[in-house]
Amino acid sequence: MQRGMSKSKLQTSSILGRECSGIIVEISPGVTNLKNGDKVLSYTGSLASNGTYAEYVSVPSLLVHKIPENCSLEIAAAIPLVGLTAYQIFERLSKLPMNSAPSIFITGAAGGVGSFLIPLLKHLPFNIKKIICTYGNESSRDHLLSRGINPENLIDYRSSDYPKKIMDANDGRLFEIAVDLVGNTAGEVAVSVLTVFGTYVDVTYFLTPNLREMLFDRACNIMHVANYAKTLKLLDSHLSLDLNWYQERLHLLVE
């Protein structure tokens, strides 16, 4: 967005930032679950930024959650956007009509979304035996190991033949689900190891022309994940403002 790419075209605020942590200095009448001095985190829920880079920001109380005593403001600020993204992926995958998905492939799993998503995937209603991820440096590899990924399921994307190594880690089988947290050429690799009629989860909006063609050729189910979708309020439409969804899931993520 700072570079003027993709979602910046929809920008509605002159100040960037869609999540924050801080200390409450003023509350509106009727807000009873929060008070001045509370340390909180918040997801603003904006379509394209809502000013949390500023010193002060005003947000609906439903998008605010108290921070536990043992959590720093820095850690808290990193929770809302990536946590809600991961939770939405988990919830929507849970609704897929399948009895089992032996494996899931994830690009960019060492980042914030992947860090939340990996433990959530283990609670899907269908049995997943393998979570296979890519990494690009030893720090990312160590982090993924700490999240419970087996060493044999970690693939270095710097190697020239890493798409083949992804397949080898999956016993030569194509995946039914690929979660792409990177986009562009990484997305192309994800789709190249995805089966016909497979599910491609996209959180980046970075689809190359070649990637779109690959998805079409495989007749893939495309699951676009956008956190702001629940805040859409369009006149003469069935879409409505739904902030309770954020409140409930922020509670689950923090607690």
C-alpha atoms as a PDB file:
ATOM      1  CA  MET A   1       0.000   0.000   0.000  1.00  0.00           C
ATOM      2  CA  GLN A   2       2.920   2.330   0.699  1.00  0.00           C
ATOM      3  CA  ARG A   3       4.157   1.631  -2.817  1.00  0.00           C
ATOM      4  CA  GLY A   4       0.784   2.422  -4.384  1.00  0.00           C
ATOM      5  CA  MET A   5       0.113  -1.226  -5.291  1.00  0.00           C
ATOM      6  CA  SER A   6      -3.061  -3.343  -5.342  1.00  0.00           C
ATOM      7  CA  LYS A   7      -5.301  -2.437  -2.392  1.00  0.00           C
ATOM      8  CA  SER A   8      -3.993   1.141  -2.232  1.00  0.00           C
ATOM      9  CA  LYS A   9      -6.317   1.820  -5.171  1.00  0.00           C
ATOM     10  CA  LEU A  10      -9.197   1.373  -2.713  1.00  0.00           C
ATOM     11  CA  GLN A  11      -7.621   3.488   0.006  1.00  0.00           C
ATOM     12  CA  THR A  12     -10.111   5.571   1.965  1.00  0.00           C
ATOM     13  CA  SER A  13      -7.771   7.063   4.566  1.00  0.00           C
ATOM     14  CA  SER A  14      -4.813   9.408   4.135  1.00  0.00           C
ATOM     15  CA  ILE A  15      -3.100   7.617   7.032  1.00  0.00           C
ATOM     16  CA  LEU A  16      -2.181   3.945   6.702  1.00  0.00           C
ATOM     17  CA  GLY A  17      -2.501   1.188   9.286  1.00  0.00           C
ATOM     18  CA  ARG A  18      -5.193  -1.434   9.952  1.00  0.00           C
ATOM     19  CA  GLU A  19      -4.251  -2.776  13.393  1.00  0.00           C
ATOM     20  CA  CYS A  20      -2.778  -1.403  16.573  1.00  0.00           C
ATOM     21  CA  SER A  21      -2.215  -1.734  20.290  1.00  0.00           C
ATOM     22  CA  GLY A  22      -2.300   1.050  22.834  1.00  0.00           C
ATOM     23  CA  ILE A  23      -3.874   2.540  25.925  1.00  0.00           C
ATOM     24  CA  ILE A  24      -7.463   3.815  26.024  1.00  0.00           C
ATOM     25  CA  VAL A  25      -7.699   7.544  26.771  1.00  0.00           C
ATOM     26  CA  GLU A  26     -11.402   8.060  26.098  1.00  0.00           C
ATOM     27  CA  ILE A  27     -14.494   5.892  25.709  1.00  0.00           C
ATOM     28  CA  SER A  28     -17.943   6.643  24.352  1.00  0.00           C
ATOM     29  CA  PRO A  29     -21.088   6.603  26.506  1.00  0.00           C
ATOM     30  CA  GLY A  30     -22.549   3.110  26.694  1.00  0.00           C
ATOM     31  CA  VAL A  31     -19.242   1.238  26.502  1.00  0.00           C
ATOM     32  CA  THR A  32     -19.127  -0.786  29.717  1.00  0.00           C
ATOM     33  CA  ASN A  33     -16.523  -3.495  29.088  1.00  0.00           C
ATOM     34  CA  LEU A  34     -13.611  -1.090  28.674  1.00  0.00           C
ATOM     35  CA  LYS A  35     -12.262   1.866  30.632  1.00  0.00           C
ATOM     36  CA  ASN A  36      -9.619   4.559  30.387  1.00  0.00           C
ATOM     37  CA  GLY A  37      -6.147   3.181  31.028  1.00  0.00           C
ATOM     38  CA  ASP A  38      -6.886  -0.282  29.639  1.00  0.00           C
ATOM     39  CA  LYS A  39      -4.145  -1.755  27.443  1.00  0.00           C
ATOM     40  CA  VAL A  40      -5.828  -3.047  24.304  1.00  0.00           C
ATOM     41  CA  LEU A  41      -5.329  -4.245  20.761  1.00  0.00           C
ATOM     42  CA  SER A  42      -7.606  -3.483  17.835  1.00  0.00           C
ATOM     43  CA  TYR A  43      -8.306  -4.444  14.250  1.00  0.00           C
ATOM     44  CA  THR A  44      -9.854  -1.445  12.523  1.00  0.00           C
ATOM     45  CA  GLY A  45     -11.656  -3.549   9.906  1.00  0.00           C
ATOM     46  CA  SER A  46     -11.090  -1.069   7.095  1.00  0.00           C
ATOM     47  CA  LEU A  47     -11.305  -1.921   3.421  1.00  0.00           C
ATOM     48  CA  ALA A  48      -7.990  -0.217   2.690  1.00  0.00           C
ATOM     49  CA  SER A  49      -6.443   1.290   5.813  1.00  0.00           C
ATOM     50  CA  ASN A  50      -7.907   3.239   8.673  1.00  0.00           C
ATOM     51  CA  GLY A  51      -5.190   5.374  10.195  1.00  0.00           C
ATOM     52  CA  THR A  52      -3.591   3.328  12.977  1.00  0.00           C
ATOM     53  CA  TYR A  53      -0.176   4.777  12.129  1.00  0.00           C
ATOM     54  CA  ALA A  54      -1.414   7.929  13.859  1.00  0.00           C
ATOM     55  CA  GLU A  55      -0.808   8.763  17.538  1.00  0.00           C
ATOM     56  CA  TYR A  56      -4.526   8.427  18.324  1.00  0.00           C
ATOM     57  CA  VAL A  57      -7.246   6.431  16.599  1.00  0.00           C
ATOM     58  CA  SER A  58     -10.961   6.033  17.229  1.00  0.00           C
ATOM     59  CA  VAL A  59     -12.428   2.578  16.610  1.00  0.00           C
ATOM     60  CA  PRO A  60     -15.679   0.725  17.403  1.00  0.00           C
ATOM     61  CA  SER A  61     -15.520  -1.010  20.787  1.00  0.00           C
ATOM     62  CA  LEU A  62     -16.411  -4.334  19.134  1.00  0.00           C
ATOM     63  CA  LEU A  63     -13.029  -4.258  17.384  1.00  0.00           C
ATOM     64  CA  VAL A  64     -11.110  -3.774  20.628  1.00  0.00           C
ATOM     65  CA  HIS A  65      -9.891  -6.403  23.097  1.00  0.00           C
ATOM     66  CA  LYS A  66      -7.986  -6.110  26.348  1.00  0.00           C
ATOM     67  CA  ILE A  67      -4.392  -7.342  26.352  1.00  0.00           C
ATOM     68  CA  PRO A  68      -3.400  -9.984  28.944  1.00  0.00           C
ATOM     69  CA  GLU A  69      -0.980  -8.763  31.606  1.00  0.00           C
ATOM     70  CA  ASN A  70       1.838 -10.964  30.296  1.00  0.00           C
ATOM     71  CA  CYS A  71       1.547  -9.636  26.711  1.00  0.00           C
ATOM     72  CA  SER A  72       3.527  -6.605  25.543  1.00  0.00           C
ATOM     73  CA  LEU A  73       2.052  -3.870  23.365  1.00  0.00           C
ATOM     74  CA  GLU A  74       4.496  -4.865  20.610  1.00  0.00           C
ATOM     75  CA  ILE A  75       3.339  -8.481  20.539  1.00  0.00           C
ATOM     76  CA  ALA A  76      -0.301  -7.443  20.837  1.00  0.00           C
ATOM     77  CA  ALA A  77      -0.071  -5.163  17.803  1.00  0.00           C
ATOM     78  CA  ALA A  78       1.009  -8.142  15.691  1.00  0.00           C
ATOM     79  CA  ILE A  79      -2.035 -10.258  16.545  1.00  0.00           C
ATOM     80  CA  PRO A  80      -5.223  -8.844  14.928  1.00  0.00           C
ATOM     81  CA  LEU A  81      -4.580  -8.840  11.177  1.00  0.00           C
ATOM     82  CA  VAL A  82      -2.603 -12.070  10.853  1.00  0.00           C
ATOM     83  CA  GLY A  83      -4.594 -13.841  13.546  1.00  0.00           C
ATOM     84  CA  LEU A  84      -7.965 -13.033  12.004  1.00  0.00           C
ATOM     85  CA  THR A  85      -6.664 -14.008   8.559  1.00  0.00           C
ATOM     86  CA  ALA A  86      -5.507 -17.400   9.851  1.00  0.00           C
ATOM     87  CA  TYR A  87      -8.773 -17.951  11.708  1.00  0.00           C
ATOM     88  CA  GLN A  88     -10.824 -17.180   8.615  1.00  0.00           C
ATOM     89  CA  ILE A  89      -8.791 -19.693   6.595  1.00  0.00           C
ATOM     90  CA  PHE A  90      -9.347 -22.305   9.306  1.00  0.00           C
ATOM     91  CA  GLU A  91     -13.092 -21.687   9.520  1.00  0.00           C
ATOM     92  CA  ARG A  92     -13.632 -21.787   5.781  1.00  0.00           C
ATOM     93  CA  LEU A  93     -11.504 -24.890   5.257  1.00  0.00           C
ATOM     94  CA  SER A  94     -13.532 -26.535   8.025  1.00  0.00           C
ATOM     95  CA  LYS A  95     -16.628 -26.207   5.854  1.00  0.00           C
ATOM     96  CA  LEU A  96     -15.162 -28.057   2.870  1.00  0.00           C
ATOM     97  CA  PRO A  97     -17.126 -31.231   2.021  1.00  0.00           C
ATOM     98  CA  MET A  98     -14.374 -33.781   2.460  1.00  0.00           C
ATOM     99  CA  ASN A  99     -13.699 -36.704   4.761  1.00  0.00           C
ATOM    100  CA  SER A 100      -9.938 -36.384   4.613  1.00  0.00           C
ATOM    101  CA  ALA A 101      -7.153 -34.301   3.102  1.00  0.00           C
ATOM    102  CA  PRO A 102      -3.952 -36.265   3.647  1.00  0.00           C
ATOM    103  CA  SER A 103      -1.771 -33.178   3.255  1.00  0.00           C
ATOM    104  CA  ILE A 104      -1.784 -29.393   2.914  1.00  0.00           C
ATOM    105  CA  PHE A 105       0.877 -27.284   1.220  1.00  0.00           C
ATOM    106  CA  ILE A 106       1.612 -23.755   2.512  1.00  0.00           C
ATOM    107  CA  THR A 107       3.812 -21.049   1.007  1.00  0.00           C
ATOM    108  CA  GLY A 108       5.233 -18.405   3.343  1.00  0.00           C
ATOM    109  CA  ALA A 109       4.221 -20.361   6.438  1.00  0.00           C
ATOM    110  CA  ALA A 110       6.973 -18.853   8.618  1.00  0.00           C
ATOM    111  CA  GLY A 111       5.265 -15.458   8.586  1.00  0.00           C
ATOM    112  CA  GLY A 112       2.577 -14.147  10.909  1.00  0.00           C
ATOM    113  CA  VAL A 113      -0.434 -15.786   9.242  1.00  0.00           C
ATOM    114  CA  GLY A 114       1.289 -19.150   8.976  1.00  0.00           C
ATOM    115  CA  SER A 115       2.379 -19.021  12.613  1.00  0.00           C
ATOM    116  CA  PHE A 116      -1.260 -18.781  13.685  1.00  0.00           C
ATOM    117  CA  LEU A 117      -2.570 -21.103  10.983  1.00  0.00           C
ATOM    118  CA  ILE A 118      -0.369 -24.161  11.538  1.00  0.00           C
ATOM    119  CA  PRO A 119      -1.719 -25.054  15.009  1.00  0.00           C
ATOM    120  CA  LEU A 120      -5.277 -24.280  13.873  1.00  0.00           C
ATOM    121  CA  LEU A 121      -5.026 -26.740  10.968  1.00  0.00           C
ATOM    122  CA  LYS A 122      -4.522 -29.568  13.417  1.00  0.00           C
ATOM    123  CA  HIS A 123      -8.097 -28.989  14.612  1.00  0.00           C
ATOM    124  CA  LEU A 124      -9.775 -29.312  11.206  1.00  0.00           C
ATOM    125  CA  PRO A 125     -12.704 -31.763  11.169  1.00  0.00           C
ATOM    126  CA  PHE A 126     -11.000 -33.916   8.549  1.00  0.00           C
ATOM    127  CA  ASN A 127      -7.767 -35.800   9.096  1.00  0.00           C
ATOM    128  CA  ILE A 128      -4.569 -34.101   7.918  1.00  0.00           C
ATOM    129  CA  LYS A 129      -1.438 -36.215   8.180  1.00  0.00           C
ATOM    130  CA  LYS A 130       1.087 -33.789   6.692  1.00  0.00           C
ATOM    131  CA  ILE A 131       1.595 -30.035   6.581  1.00  0.00           C
ATOM    132  CA  ILE A 132       4.311 -29.264   4.036  1.00  0.00           C
ATOM    133  CA  CYS A 133       5.860 -25.787   3.964  1.00  0.00           C
ATOM    134  CA  THR A 134       8.555 -23.832   2.173  1.00  0.00           C
ATOM    135  CA  TYR A 135      11.238 -21.693   3.807  1.00  0.00           C
ATOM    136  CA  GLY A 136      13.992 -19.382   2.562  1.00  0.00           C
ATOM    137  CA  ASN A 137      16.448 -19.116   5.438  1.00  0.00           C
ATOM    138  CA  GLU A 138      17.513 -21.007   8.533  1.00  0.00           C
ATOM    139  CA  SER A 139      15.654 -18.669  10.867  1.00  0.00           C
ATOM    140  CA  SER A 140      12.387 -19.457   9.074  1.00  0.00           C
ATOM    141  CA  ARG A 141      13.175 -23.154   9.134  1.00  0.00           C
ATOM    142  CA  ASP A 142      13.825 -23.080  12.879  1.00  0.00           C
ATOM    143  CA  HIS A 143      10.594 -21.176  13.445  1.00  0.00           C
ATOM    144  CA  LEU A 144       8.568 -23.731  11.481  1.00  0.00           C
ATOM    145  CA  LEU A 145      10.186 -26.541  13.441  1.00  0.00           C
ATOM    146  CA  SER A 146       9.123 -24.779  16.625  1.00  0.00           C
ATOM    147  CA  ARG A 147       5.550 -24.705  15.300  1.00  0.00           C
ATOM    148  CA  GLY A 148       5.553 -28.484  15.018  1.00  0.00           C
ATOM    149  CA  ILE A 149       6.368 -29.031  11.333  1.00  0.00           C
ATOM    150  CA  ASN A 150       8.444 -32.172  10.774  1.00  0.00           C
ATOM    151  CA  PRO A 151      11.909 -31.572   9.228  1.00  0.00           C
ATOM    152  CA  GLU A 152      11.155 -33.806   6.236  1.00  0.00           C
ATOM    153  CA  ASN A 153       8.160 -31.601   5.399  1.00  0.00           C
ATOM    154  CA  LEU A 154      10.198 -28.394   5.139  1.00  0.00           C
ATOM    155  CA  ILE A 155      11.320 -27.452   1.621  1.00  0.00           C
ATOM    156  CA  ASP A 156      13.948 -24.793   0.838  1.00  0.00           C
ATOM    157  CA  TYR A 157      12.536 -22.695  -2.020  1.00  0.00           C
ATOM    158  CA  ARG A 158      16.050 -21.479  -2.871  1.00  0.00           C
ATOM    159  CA  SER A 159      16.862 -24.890  -4.367  1.00  0.00           C
ATOM    160  CA  SER A 160      16.358 -25.152  -8.124  1.00  0.00           C
ATOM    161  CA  ASP A 161      14.246 -28.298  -7.974  1.00  0.00           C
ATOM    162  CA  TYR A 162      12.090 -27.380  -4.995  1.00  0.00           C
ATOM    163  CA  PRO A 163       8.715 -28.054  -6.730  1.00  0.00           C
ATOM    164  CA  LYS A 164       9.860 -31.666  -7.177  1.00  0.00           C
ATOM    165  CA  LYS A 165      10.942 -31.799  -3.525  1.00  0.00           C
ATOM    166  CA  ILE A 166       7.475 -30.615  -2.506  1.00  0.00           C
ATOM    167  CA  MET A 167       5.952 -33.536  -4.408  1.00  0.00           C
ATOM    168  CA  ASP A 168       8.512 -35.966  -2.991  1.00  0.00           C
ATOM    169  CA  ALA A 169       7.607 -34.859   0.542  1.00  0.00           C
ATOM    170  CA  ASN A 170       3.999 -35.691  -0.326  1.00  0.00           C
ATOM    171  CA  ASP A 171       4.916 -39.192  -1.565  1.00  0.00           C
ATOM    172  CA  GLY A 172       4.610 -38.056  -5.177  1.00  0.00           C
ATOM    173  CA  ARG A 173       0.944 -37.096  -4.816  1.00  0.00           C
ATOM    174  CA  LEU A 174      -0.739 -33.825  -5.720  1.00  0.00           C
ATOM    175  CA  PHE A 175      -2.331 -31.794  -2.951  1.00  0.00           C
ATOM    176  CA  GLU A 176      -6.038 -31.213  -2.480  1.00  0.00           C
ATOM    177  CA  ILE A 177      -5.415 -27.936  -0.615  1.00  0.00           C
ATOM    178  CA  ALA A 178      -2.727 -25.287  -1.141  1.00  0.00           C
ATOM    179  CA  VAL A 179      -2.594 -22.183   1.049  1.00  0.00           C
ATOM    180  CA  ASP A 180      -0.673 -19.378  -0.678  1.00  0.00           C
ATOM    181  CA  LEU A 181       0.563 -16.663   1.694  1.00  0.00           C
ATOM    182  CA  VAL A 182       3.060 -15.194  -0.800  1.00  0.00           C
ATOM    183  CA  GLY A 183       1.490 -14.887  -4.249  1.00  0.00           C
ATOM    184  CA  ASN A 184       3.080 -14.276  -7.650  1.00  0.00           C
ATOM    185  CA  THR A 185       5.572 -17.024  -8.677  1.00  0.00           C
ATOM    186  CA  ALA A 186       5.216 -18.774  -5.298  1.00  0.00           C
ATOM    187  CA  GLY A 187       1.525 -19.076  -6.084  1.00  0.00           C
ATOM    188  CA  GLU A 188       2.352 -20.640  -9.426  1.00  0.00           C
ATOM    189  CA  VAL A 189       4.399 -23.306  -7.664  1.00  0.00           C
ATOM    190  CA  ALA A 190       1.546 -23.919  -5.220  1.00  0.00           C
ATOM    191  CA  VAL A 191      -0.918 -24.492  -8.048  1.00  0.00           C
ATOM    192  CA  SER A 192       1.554 -26.683  -9.957  1.00  0.00           C
ATOM    193  CA  VAL A 193       1.357 -29.210  -7.106  1.00  0.00           C
ATOM    194  CA  LEU A 194      -2.428 -28.881  -6.705  1.00  0.00           C
ATOM    195  CA  THR A 195      -4.790 -31.532  -8.019  1.00  0.00           C
ATOM    196  CA  VAL A 196      -7.620 -30.917 -10.490  1.00  0.00           C
ATOM    197  CA  PHE A 197     -10.632 -29.516  -8.589  1.00  0.00           C
ATOM    198  CA  GLY A 198      -8.311 -28.741  -5.681  1.00  0.00           C
ATOM    199  CA  THR A 199      -8.737 -25.773  -3.349  1.00  0.00           C
ATOM    200  CA  TYR A 200      -6.396 -22.782  -3.662  1.00  0.00           C
ATOM    201  CA  VAL A 201      -6.476 -20.388  -0.688  1.00  0.00           C
ATOM    202  CA  ASP A 202      -5.352 -16.877  -1.640  1.00  0.00           C
ATOM    203  CA  VAL A 203      -4.722 -14.114   0.899  1.00  0.00           C
ATOM    204  CA  THR A 204      -2.461 -11.870  -1.183  1.00  0.00           C
ATOM    205  CA  TYR A 205      -4.370 -10.709  -4.276  1.00  0.00           C
ATOM    206  CA  PHE A 206      -1.067 -11.205  -6.167  1.00  0.00           C
ATOM    207  CA  LEU A 207      -2.272 -13.452  -8.994  1.00  0.00           C
ATOM    208  CA  THR A 208      -0.097 -13.370 -12.118  1.00  0.00           C
ATOM    209  CA  PRO A 209      -1.705 -13.965 -15.542  1.00  0.00           C
ATOM    210  CA  ASN A 210       0.012 -17.367 -15.642  1.00  0.00           C
ATOM    211  CA  LEU A 211      -1.304 -18.222 -12.186  1.00  0.00           C
ATOM    212  CA  ARG A 212      -4.875 -17.364 -13.204  1.00  0.00           C
ATOM    213  CA  GLU A 213      -4.519 -19.579 -16.286  1.00  0.00           C
ATOM    214  CA  MET A 214      -3.191 -22.469 -14.190  1.00  0.00           C
ATOM    215  CA  LEU A 215      -6.097 -22.145 -11.753  1.00  0.00           C
ATOM    216  CA  PHE A 216      -8.577 -22.153 -14.629  1.00  0.00           C
ATOM    217  CA  ASP A 217      -6.969 -25.169 -16.318  1.00  0.00           C
ATOM    218  CA  ARG A 218      -7.255 -27.180 -13.108  1.00  0.00           C
ATOM    219  CA  ALA A 219     -10.813 -25.935 -12.447  1.00  0.00           C
ATOM    220  CA  CYS A 220      -9.684 -25.069  -8.924  1.00  0.00           C
ATOM    221  CA  ASN A 221     -11.885 -23.828  -6.135  1.00  0.00           C
ATOM    222  CA  ILE A 222     -10.442 -20.412  -5.266  1.00  0.00           C
ATOM    223  CA  MET A 223     -10.885 -19.285  -1.691  1.00  0.00           C
ATOM    224  CA  HIS A 224     -10.115 -15.566  -1.453  1.00  0.00           C
ATOM    225  CA  VAL A 225      -9.521 -14.452   2.128  1.00  0.00           C
ATOM    226  CA  ALA A 226     -10.053 -10.766   2.915  1.00  0.00           C
ATOM    227  CA  ASN A 227     -10.505  -9.668   6.517  1.00  0.00           C
ATOM    228  CA  TYR A 228     -12.341  -6.507   5.573  1.00  0.00           C
ATOM    229  CA  ALA A 229     -15.122  -8.440   3.822  1.00  0.00           C
ATOM    230  CA  LYS A 230     -17.200  -8.616   7.001  1.00  0.00           C
ATOM    231  CA  THR A 231     -17.182  -4.812   7.271  1.00  0.00           C
ATOM    232  CA  LEU A 232     -18.732  -4.234   3.847  1.00  0.00           C
ATOM    233  CA  LYS A 233     -21.948  -2.271   3.977  1.00  0.00           C
ATOM    234  CA  LEU A 234     -23.493  -1.718   0.585  1.00  0.00           C
ATOM    235  CA  LEU A 235     -26.793   0.001  -0.088  1.00  0.00           C
ATOM    236  CA  ASP A 236     -29.429  -2.099  -1.859  1.00  0.00           C
ATOM    237  CA  SER A 237     -27.441  -5.235  -1.089  1.00  0.00           C
ATOM    238  CA  HIS A 238     -27.709  -8.281   1.166  1.00  0.00           C
ATOM    239  CA  LEU A 239     -24.274  -7.453   2.616  1.00  0.00           C
ATOM    240  CA  SER A 240     -24.328  -5.791   6.006  1.00  0.00           C
ATOM    241  CA  LEU A 241     -21.969  -4.576   8.701  1.00  0.00           C
ATOM    242  CA  ASP A 242     -20.951  -7.457  10.959  1.00  0.00           C
ATOM    243  CA  LEU A 243     -18.510  -6.468  13.692  1.00  0.00           C
ATOM    244  CA  ASN A 244     -19.528  -9.230  16.099  1.00  0.00           C
ATOM    245  CA  TRP A 245     -17.550 -11.699  13.969  1.00  0.00           C
ATOM    246  CA  TYR A 246     -14.358  -9.766  14.736  1.00  0.00           C
ATOM    247  CA  GLN A 247     -15.123  -9.412  18.436  1.00  0.00           C
ATOM    248  CA  GLU A 248     -15.733 -13.140  18.878  1.00  0.00           C
ATOM    249  CA  ARG A 249     -12.576 -14.168  17.045  1.00  0.00           C
ATOM    250  CA  LEU A 250     -10.342 -11.557  18.640  1.00  0.00           C
ATOM    251  CA  HIS A 251     -11.452 -13.021  21.967  1.00  0.00           C
ATOM    252  CA  LEU A 252     -10.524 -16.546  20.823  1.00  0.00           C
ATOM    253  CA  LEU A 253      -7.139 -15.404  19.521  1.00  0.00           C
ATOM    254  CA  VAL A 254      -6.184 -13.432  22.630  1.00  0.00           C
ATOM    255  CA  GLU A 255      -7.510 -15.863  25.206  1.00  0.00           C
END
